[in-house]
C-alpha atoms as a PDB file:
ATOM      1  CA  MET A   1     197.468  32.346 192.543  1.00  0.00           C
ATOM      2  CA  GLY A   2     197.680  34.559 189.425  1.00  0.00           C
ATOM      3  CA  ARG A   3     194.559  36.269 188.075  1.00  0.00           C
ATOM      4  CA  GLY A   4     193.030  34.416 185.004  1.00  0.00           C
ATOM      5  CA  LYS A   5     193.379  35.624 181.619  1.00  0.00           C
ATOM      6  CA  ILE A   6     190.490  37.987 180.587  1.00  0.00           C
ATOM      7  CA  GLU A   7     188.983  37.262 177.313  1.00  0.00           C
ATOM      8  CA  ILE A   8     189.006  40.575 175.117  1.00  0.00           C
ATOM      9  CA  LYS A   9     185.381  40.927 173.832  1.00  0.00           C
ATOM     10  CA  ARG A  10     182.780  43.557 174.456  1.00  0.00           C
ATOM     11  CA  ILE A  11     181.485  43.785 177.930  1.00  0.00           C
ATOM     12  CA  GLU A  12     177.595  43.088 177.794  1.00  0.00           C
ATOM     13  CA  ASN A  13     176.751  44.404 181.264  1.00  0.00           C
ATOM     14  CA  SER A  14     176.603  48.305 180.867  1.00  0.00           C
ATOM     15  CA  SER A  15     177.580  48.925 184.524  1.00  0.00           C
ATOM     16  CA  ASN A  16     180.688  46.508 184.326  1.00  0.00           C
ATOM     17  CA  ARG A  17     181.521  48.008 180.860  1.00  0.00           C
ATOM     18  CA  GLN A  18     181.629  51.855 182.325  1.00  0.00           C
ATOM     19  CA  VAL A  19     183.552  50.432 185.267  1.00  0.00           C
ATOM     20  CA  THR A  20     186.156  48.681 182.977  1.00  0.00           C
ATOM     21  CA  TYR A  21     186.113  52.042 180.741  1.00  0.00           C
ATOM     22  CA  SER A  22     187.075  54.342 183.790  1.00  0.00           C
ATOM     23  CA  LYS A  23     189.755  52.085 185.121  1.00  0.00           C
ATOM     24  CA  ARG A  24     191.493  51.456 181.862  1.00  0.00           C
ATOM     25  CA  ARG A  25     191.086  55.142 180.726  1.00  0.00           C
ATOM     26  CA  ASN A  26     192.844  56.293 183.697  1.00  0.00           C
ATOM     27  CA  GLY A  27     195.524  53.532 183.150  1.00  0.00           C
ATOM     28  CA  ILE A  28     196.311  54.705 179.649  1.00  0.00           C
ATOM     29  CA  ILE A  29     196.474  58.257 180.516  1.00  0.00           C
ATOM     30  CA  LYS A  30     198.729  57.367 183.490  1.00  0.00           C
ATOM     31  CA  LYS A  31     201.179  55.523 181.086  1.00  0.00           C
ATOM     32  CA  ALA A  32     200.939  58.218 178.432  1.00  0.00           C
ATOM     33  CA  LYS A  33     202.152  60.820 181.224  1.00  0.00           C
ATOM     34  CA  GLU A  34     204.734  58.238 182.442  1.00  0.00           C
ATOM     35  CA  ILE A  35     206.362  57.660 178.819  1.00  0.00           C
ATOM     36  CA  ALA A  36     206.222  61.542 178.159  1.00  0.00           C
ATOM     37  CA  VAL A  37     208.283  62.397 181.354  1.00  0.00           C
ATOM     38  CA  LEU A  38     210.500  59.333 181.634  1.00  0.00           C
ATOM     39  CA  CYS A  39     211.621  59.108 177.829  1.00  0.00           C
ATOM     40  CA  ASP A  40     211.105  63.034 177.025  1.00  0.00           C
ATOM     41  CA  SER A  41     208.576  62.078 174.241  1.00  0.00           C
ATOM     42  CA  GLN A  42     205.881  63.868 172.674  1.00  0.00           C
ATOM     43  CA  VAL A  43     202.525  61.940 173.444  1.00  0.00           C
ATOM     44  CA  SER A  44     198.944  62.814 172.735  1.00  0.00           C
ATOM     45  CA  VAL A  45     195.847  60.707 173.820  1.00  0.00           C
ATOM     46  CA  ILE A  46     192.389  61.202 172.874  1.00  0.00           C
ATOM     47  CA  ILE A  47     189.720  58.933 174.279  1.00  0.00           C
ATOM     48  CA  PHE A  48     185.959  59.175 173.539  1.00  0.00           C
ATOM     49  CA  SER A  49     183.514  57.118 175.594  1.00  0.00           C
ATOM     50  CA  THR A  50     180.286  55.374 174.005  1.00  0.00           C
ATOM     51  CA  SER A  51     178.276  58.455 175.564  1.00  0.00           C
ATOM     52  CA  GLY A  52     180.525  60.866 173.574  1.00  0.00           C
ATOM     53  CA  LYS A  53     182.426  62.203 176.433  1.00  0.00           C
ATOM     54  CA  MET A  54     186.009  63.156 175.771  1.00  0.00           C
ATOM     55  CA  HIS A  55     189.296  62.640 177.795  1.00  0.00           C
ATOM     56  CA  GLU A  56     192.675  63.684 176.501  1.00  0.00           C
ATOM     57  CA  PHE A  57     196.283  64.069 177.596  1.00  0.00           C
ATOM     58  CA  CYS A  58     199.013  65.967 175.724  1.00  0.00           C
ATOM     59  CA  SER A  59     202.666  66.211 176.412  1.00  0.00           C
ATOM     60  CA  PRO A  60     203.777  69.336 178.294  1.00  0.00           C
ATOM     61  CA  ALA A  61     205.196  72.277 176.203  1.00  0.00           C
ATOM     62  CA  ILE A  62     203.411  70.910 173.059  1.00  0.00           C
ATOM     63  CA  THR A  63     199.875  71.251 171.742  1.00  0.00           C
ATOM     64  CA  LEU A  64     197.615  68.601 169.751  1.00  0.00           C
ATOM     65  CA  SER A  65     197.874  70.892 166.700  1.00  0.00           C
ATOM     66  CA  ASP A  66     201.839  70.581 166.709  1.00  0.00           C
ATOM     67  CA  ILE A  67     201.495  66.747 167.059  1.00  0.00           C
ATOM     68  CA  LEU A  68     199.075  66.550 164.096  1.00  0.00           C
ATOM     69  CA  GLU A  69     201.241  68.719 162.043  1.00  0.00           C
ATOM     70  CA  GLN A  70     204.273  66.493 162.710  1.00  0.00           C
ATOM     71  CA  TYR A  71     201.967  63.506 161.735  1.00  0.00           C
ATOM     72  CA  HIS A  72     200.936  65.167 158.484  1.00  0.00           C
ATOM     73  CA  LYS A  73     204.580  65.863 157.455  1.00  0.00           C
ATOM     74  CA  LEU A  74     206.054  62.402 158.521  1.00  0.00           C
ATOM     75  CA  SER A  75     203.215  60.414 157.395  1.00  0.00           C
ATOM     76  CA  GLY A  76     202.110  62.277 154.391  1.00  0.00           C
ATOM     77  CA  LYS A  77     198.560  61.676 155.248  1.00  0.00           C
ATOM     78  CA  ARG A  78     195.974  64.225 155.825  1.00  0.00           C
ATOM     79  CA  LEU A  79     193.281  63.965 158.654  1.00  0.00           C
ATOM     80  CA  TRP A  80     190.825  65.916 156.620  1.00  0.00           C
ATOM     81  CA  ASP A  81     190.064  66.440 152.827  1.00  0.00           C
ATOM     82  CA  ALA A  82     190.913  69.263 150.659  1.00  0.00           C
ATOM     83  CA  LYS A  83     187.378  71.072 151.196  1.00  0.00           C
ATOM     84  CA  HIS A  84     187.870  71.043 154.990  1.00  0.00           C
ATOM     85  CA  GLU A  85     191.458  72.466 154.665  1.00  0.00           C
ATOM     86  CA  HIS A  86     190.165  75.217 152.525  1.00  0.00           C
ATOM     87  CA  LEU A  87     187.540  76.178 155.112  1.00  0.00           C
ATOM     88  CA  ASP A  88     190.272  76.158 157.707  1.00  0.00           C
ATOM     89  CA  ASN A  89     192.401  78.503 155.569  1.00  0.00           C
ATOM     90  CA  GLU A  90     189.399  80.690 154.854  1.00  0.00           C
ATOM     91  CA  ILE A  91     188.799  80.974 158.696  1.00  0.00           C
ATOM     92  CA  ASN A  92     192.281  82.012 159.260  1.00  0.00           C
ATOM     93  CA  ARG A  93     192.090  84.641 156.596  1.00  0.00           C
ATOM     94  CA  ILE A  94     188.967  85.999 157.987  1.00  0.00           C
ATOM     95  CA  LYS A  95     190.528  86.131 161.513  1.00  0.00           C
ATOM     96  CA  LYS A  96     193.566  87.799 160.032  1.00  0.00           C
ATOM     97  CA  GLU A  97     191.298  90.461 158.173  1.00  0.00           C
ATOM     98  CA  ASN A  98     189.373  90.991 161.464  1.00  0.00           C
ATOM     99  CA  ASP A  99     192.507  91.542 163.475  1.00  0.00           C
ATOM    100  CA  ASN A 100     193.640  94.187 160.799  1.00  0.00           C
ATOM    101  CA  MET A 101     190.329  95.944 161.034  1.00  0.00           C
ATOM    102  CA  GLN A 102     190.626  96.026 164.772  1.00  0.00           C
ATOM    103  CA  ILE A 103     193.902  97.713 164.538  1.00  0.00           C
ATOM    104  CA  GLU A 104     192.644 100.158 161.898  1.00  0.00           C
ATOM    105  CA  LEU A 105     189.835 101.133 164.117  1.00  0.00           C
ATOM    106  CA  ARG A 106     192.135 101.788 167.164  1.00  0.00           C
ATOM    107  CA  HIS A 107     194.242 104.178 164.869  1.00  0.00           C
ATOM    108  CA  LEU A 108     191.084 105.936 163.656  1.00  0.00           C
ATOM    109  CA  LYS A 109     190.373 106.557 167.533  1.00  0.00           C
ATOM    110  CA  GLY A 110     193.749 107.919 167.938  1.00  0.00           C
ATOM    111  CA  GLU A 111     195.100 104.886 169.807  1.00  0.00           C
ATOM    112  CA  ASP A 112     198.526 103.056 169.121  1.00  0.00           C
ATOM    113  CA  ILE A 113     199.607 105.521 166.394  1.00  0.00           C
ATOM    114  CA  THR A 114     203.132 105.835 167.866  1.00  0.00           C
ATOM    115  CA  THR A 115     204.149 102.754 165.774  1.00  0.00           C
ATOM    116  CA  LEU A 116     202.792 104.367 162.402  1.00  0.00           C
ATOM    117  CA  ASN A 117     205.430 105.866 160.111  1.00  0.00           C
ATOM    118  CA  TYR A 118     204.982 109.267 158.181  1.00  0.00           C
ATOM    119  CA  LYS A 119     203.190 107.553 155.092  1.00  0.00           C
ATOM    120  CA  GLU A 120     200.815 105.666 157.363  1.00  0.00           C
ATOM    121  CA  LEU A 121     200.057 108.830 159.150  1.00  0.00           C
ATOM    122  CA  MET A 122     199.161 110.806 155.925  1.00  0.00           C
ATOM    123  CA  VAL A 123     196.787 107.876 154.892  1.00  0.00           C
ATOM    124  CA  LEU A 124     195.024 107.988 158.239  1.00  0.00           C
ATOM    125  CA  GLU A 125     194.751 111.836 158.077  1.00  0.00           C
ATOM    126  CA  GLU A 126     193.221 111.520 154.497  1.00  0.00           C
ATOM    127  CA  ALA A 127     190.791 108.866 155.898  1.00  0.00           C
ATOM    128  CA  LEU A 128     189.593 111.047 158.683  1.00  0.00           C
ATOM    129  CA  THR A 129     189.434 114.101 156.462  1.00  0.00           C
ATOM    130  CA  ASN A 130     187.170 112.318 154.146  1.00  0.00           C
ATOM    131  CA  GLY A 131     185.069 110.919 156.978  1.00  0.00           C
ATOM    132  CA  THR A 132     184.519 114.340 158.431  1.00  0.00           C
ATOM    133  CA  SER A 133     183.551 115.748 155.082  1.00  0.00           C
ATOM    134  CA  ALA A 134     181.011 112.942 154.501  1.00  0.00           C
ATOM    135  CA  LEU A 135     179.583 113.616 158.026  1.00  0.00           C
ATOM    136  CA  LYS A 136     179.282 117.433 157.354  1.00  0.00           C
ATOM    137  CA  THR A 137     177.463 116.618 154.059  1.00  0.00           C
ATOM    138  CA  LYS A 138     175.040 114.373 155.886  1.00  0.00           C
ATOM    139  CA  GLN A 139     174.365 116.882 158.381  1.00  0.00           C
ATOM    140  CA  ARG A 140     173.726 119.511 155.838  1.00  0.00           C
ATOM    141  CA  HIS A 141     171.351 117.186 153.937  1.00  0.00           C
ATOM    142  CA  LEU A 142     169.372 116.471 157.105  1.00  0.00           C
ATOM    143  CA  HIS A 143     169.128 120.176 157.830  1.00  0.00           C
ATOM    144  CA  LEU A 144     167.952 121.153 154.432  1.00  0.00           C
ATOM    145  CA  ASP A 145     165.505 118.285 153.901  1.00  0.00           C
ATOM    146  CA  PRO A 146     163.404 118.044 157.055  1.00  0.00           C
ATOM    147  CA  MET A 147     161.396 115.110 155.652  1.00  0.00           C
ATOM    148  CA  ASP A 148     164.218 112.911 155.411  1.00  0.00           C
ATOM    149  CA  ASN A 149     164.666 110.401 158.273  1.00  0.00           C
ATOM    150  CA  GLY A 150     166.187 111.922 161.164  1.00  0.00           C
ATOM    151  CA  GLY A 151     165.292 115.547 160.120  1.00  0.00           C
ATOM    152  CA  ASN A 152     162.121 115.949 161.992  1.00  0.00           C
ATOM    153  CA  HIS A 153     164.174 117.115 165.000  1.00  0.00           C
ATOM    154  CA  VAL A 154     165.517 119.936 162.914  1.00  0.00           C
ATOM    155  CA  MET A 155     162.141 120.969 161.684  1.00  0.00           C
ATOM    156  CA  GLU A 156     160.614 120.825 165.200  1.00  0.00           C
ATOM    157  CA  SER A 157     163.359 122.968 166.237  1.00  0.00           C
ATOM    158  CA  HIS A 158     162.891 125.361 163.369  1.00  0.00           C
ATOM    159  CA  GLY A 159     159.319 125.661 164.050  1.00  0.00           C
ATOM    160  CA  GLN A 160     159.812 126.291 167.686  1.00  0.00           C
ATOM    161  CA  GLY A 161     162.323 129.060 166.849  1.00  0.00           C
ATOM    162  CA  MET A 162     159.780 130.806 164.538  1.00  0.00           C
ATOM    163  CA  TYR A 163     157.030 130.556 167.343  1.00  0.00           C
ATOM    164  CA  ASP A 164     159.540 132.099 169.698  1.00  0.00           C
ATOM    165  CA  THR A 165     160.202 135.027 167.279  1.00  0.00           C
ATOM    166  CA  GLN A 166     156.527 135.650 166.744  1.00  0.00           C
ATOM    167  CA  ALA A 167     155.857 135.752 170.325  1.00  0.00           C
ATOM    168  CA  GLY A 168     158.759 138.035 170.935  1.00  0.00           C
ATOM    169  CA  VAL A 169     157.443 140.492 168.117  1.00  0.00           C
ATOM    170  CA  ALA A 170     153.953 140.431 169.594  1.00  0.00           C
ATOM    171  CA  ASN A 171     155.222 141.164 173.048  1.00  0.00           C
ATOM    172  CA  TYR A 172     157.414 143.967 171.679  1.00  0.00           C
ATOM    173  CA  GLN A 173     154.550 145.454 169.766  1.00  0.00           C
ATOM    174  CA  ALA A 174     152.153 145.412 172.728  1.00  0.00           C
ATOM    175  CA  CYS A 175     154.712 147.055 174.916  1.00  0.00           C
ATOM    176  CA  HIS A 176     155.529 149.878 172.184  1.00  0.00           C
ATOM    177  CA  SER A 177     151.746 150.626 171.800  1.00  0.00           C
ATOM    178  CA  GLN A 178     151.536 151.571 175.377  1.00  0.00           C
ATOM    179  CA  MET A 179     154.298 153.767 175.545  1.00  0.00           C
ATOM    180  CA  PRO A 180     153.584 157.667 174.880  1.00  0.00           C
ATOM    181  CA  PRO A 181     154.706 159.061 171.797  1.00  0.00           C
ATOM    182  CA  PRO A 182     158.072 160.580 171.458  1.00  0.00           C
ATOM    183  CA  PRO A 183     158.659 164.201 172.383  1.00  0.00           C
ATOM    184  CA  PHE A 184     159.723 165.068 168.790  1.00  0.00           C
ATOM    185  CA  ALA A 185     157.158 163.265 166.840  1.00  0.00           C
ATOM    186  CA  PHE A 186     156.537 164.958 163.279  1.00  0.00           C
ATOM    187  CA  ARG A 187     153.030 166.857 163.403  1.00  0.00           C
ATOM    188  CA  LEU A 188     151.449 169.180 161.033  1.00  0.00           C
ATOM    189  CA  GLN A 189     151.425 172.719 162.386  1.00  0.00           C
ATOM    190  CA  PRO A 190     148.000 174.618 162.199  1.00  0.00           C
ATOM    191  CA  MET A 191     149.957 177.536 160.678  1.00  0.00           C
ATOM    192  CA  GLN A 192     150.448 175.665 157.469  1.00  0.00           C
ATOM    193  CA  PRO A 193     146.886 174.319 156.512  1.00  0.00           C
ATOM    194  CA  ASN A 194     147.917 174.023 152.860  1.00  0.00           C
ATOM    195  CA  LEU A 195     150.218 171.164 153.695  1.00  0.00           C
ATOM    196  CA  GLN A 196     147.174 169.007 154.857  1.00  0.00           C
ATOM    197  CA  ASP A 197     145.435 169.618 151.604  1.00  0.00           C
ATOM    198  CA  HIS A 198     148.592 168.464 149.649  1.00  0.00           C
ATOM    199  CA  PHE A 199     148.637 165.349 151.606  1.00  0.00           C
END
């Protein structure tokens, strides 16, 4: 005895509806895999449940983006408007710029420079020279202006150096005062008293 024909309408019971969804979803994906293999066709299936969970299948050796691109070319329809397409192009442009900046950063670090030609190496050298010059200028500025941000360390180091110098001078003077006078110190001779009067 054959199974009776099922009326196609929404299943009211949520449990039965979920069971039917799981069975038929698996059946659709199975059929999509079969037709992709048996007929060497490009198939893509995307299914969303009422809870928002997604299930998908795409033929091997092809992506969903490739299938959508073919759909756009053959049907002449777009799945998104010009605004979204502009945003997509802008994202791609920013990604490309970011990739280029990453390459330039590696070059500045001395990495992957074997692929550069002479002109590109000259541009890189000029950029490094300008960067070094700017760095030295900033260092001189911090050294000459201790009150600037980051210059306190220079000022503290300078003050410590002056303290060490003064301590060294004081130590030298103390030691020098305890030493006997040199044997050939200049003294006024008693036989020339008039010299004392002139002084």
